[in-house]
Amino acid sequence: MPTVLRQDGYDIVIYLNDHVPAHVHAFEGGGEAKIHLDPVVVTQVWNMKQQVAQRAKRIVAENREFLLQKWKEIHGG
């Protein structure tokens, strides 16, 4: 599970063996949010307050093109 971005205390990860649609997992303070990349939307949250998940969503949105490129490098397409 490579960390492809670290920003503002968040680790943004793409799992090697993951499934479509393109998405990332954002980790912060023991919590996790799954965020789709197209469109950018939080789909699941574990042990993370909503405001923390929304900050993760903003980080992902700001870096969407970079993260989509990383997804393609890891998963093809």
Protein backbone atom coordinates (compact mmCIF):
# COMPACT_ATOMS: atom_id res chain seq x y z
CA MET A 1 0.00 0.00 0.00
CA PRO A 2 2.13 2.86 -1.22
CA THR A 3 1.63 6.27 0.33
CA VAL A 4 1.42 8.54 -2.70
CA LEU A 5 0.88 11.84 -0.89
CA ARG A 6 1.48 13.27 2.57
CA GLN A 7 -0.14 16.59 3.35
CA ASP A 8 -1.31 18.37 6.52
CA GLY A 9 -0.99 15.22 8.65
CA TYR A 10 -2.84 12.99 6.16
CA ASP A 11 -1.36 9.97 4.41
CA ILE A 12 -3.04 9.35 1.07
CA VAL A 13 -2.67 5.71 0.02
CA ILE A 14 -3.49 3.62 -3.03
CA TYR A 15 -3.66 -0.11 -2.36
CA LEU A 16 -1.80 -2.28 -4.87
CA ASN A 17 -4.52 -4.93 -5.09
CA ASP A 18 -7.52 -2.59 -5.10
CA HIS A 19 -10.58 -2.39 -7.33
CA VAL A 20 -12.24 0.19 -9.56
CA PRO A 21 -13.51 2.84 -9.47
CA ALA A 22 -10.32 4.81 -8.92
CA HIS A 23 -10.09 5.84 -5.28
CA VAL A 24 -7.67 6.50 -2.43
CA HIS A 25 -7.63 5.88 1.29
CA ALA A 26 -6.85 8.86 3.52
CA PHE A 27 -5.41 8.16 6.98
CA GLU A 28 -5.19 10.63 9.85
CA GLY A 29 -5.07 10.15 13.60
CA GLY A 30 -6.03 6.47 13.49
CA GLY A 31 -9.00 7.10 11.21
CA GLU A 32 -9.52 6.29 7.55
CA ALA A 33 -11.67 7.64 4.74
CA LYS A 34 -12.18 6.05 1.32
CA ILE A 35 -12.46 8.75 -1.35
CA HIS A 36 -13.37 8.21 -5.00
CA LEU A 37 -11.44 10.29 -7.53
CA ASP A 38 -14.03 10.77 -10.30
CA PRO A 39 -16.03 12.48 -8.95
CA VAL A 40 -14.26 13.27 -5.69
CA VAL A 41 -16.58 11.95 -3.01
CA VAL A 42 -16.11 10.37 0.41
CA THR A 43 -17.69 6.92 0.23
CA GLN A 44 -16.74 5.37 3.58
CA VAL A 45 -15.30 6.58 6.88
CA TRP A 46 -13.83 4.56 9.76
CA ASN A 47 -12.95 6.12 13.15
CA MET A 48 -12.74 9.63 11.69
CA LYS A 49 -14.85 12.70 12.46
CA GLN A 50 -16.82 14.11 9.55
CA GLN A 51 -14.87 17.39 9.52
CA VAL A 52 -11.59 15.46 9.33
CA ALA A 53 -12.96 13.38 6.44
CA GLN A 54 -14.05 16.56 4.65
CA ARG A 55 -10.55 18.01 5.01
CA ALA A 56 -9.20 14.79 3.47
CA LYS A 57 -11.69 15.23 0.62
CA ARG A 58 -10.42 18.78 0.00
CA ILE A 59 -6.82 17.55 -0.10
CA VAL A 60 -7.79 14.82 -2.56
CA ALA A 61 -9.73 17.31 -4.71
CA GLU A 62 -6.75 19.68 -4.78
CA ASN A 63 -4.48 16.83 -5.91
CA ARG A 64 -6.99 14.92 -8.05
CA GLU A 65 -5.04 14.89 -11.33
CA PHE A 66 -1.85 13.75 -9.59
CA LEU A 67 -3.74 11.01 -7.73
CA LEU A 68 -5.50 9.80 -10.88
CA GLN A 69 -2.11 9.54 -12.57
CA LYS A 70 -0.75 7.53 -9.64
CA TRP A 71 -3.82 5.25 -9.79
CA LYS A 72 -3.14 4.63 -13.49
CA GLU A 73 0.55 3.94 -12.84
CA ILE A 74 -0.31 1.38 -10.16
CA HIS A 75 -3.39 -0.25 -11.75
CA GLY A 76 -2.96 0.46 -15.45
CA GLY A 77 -5.32 2.26 -17.76
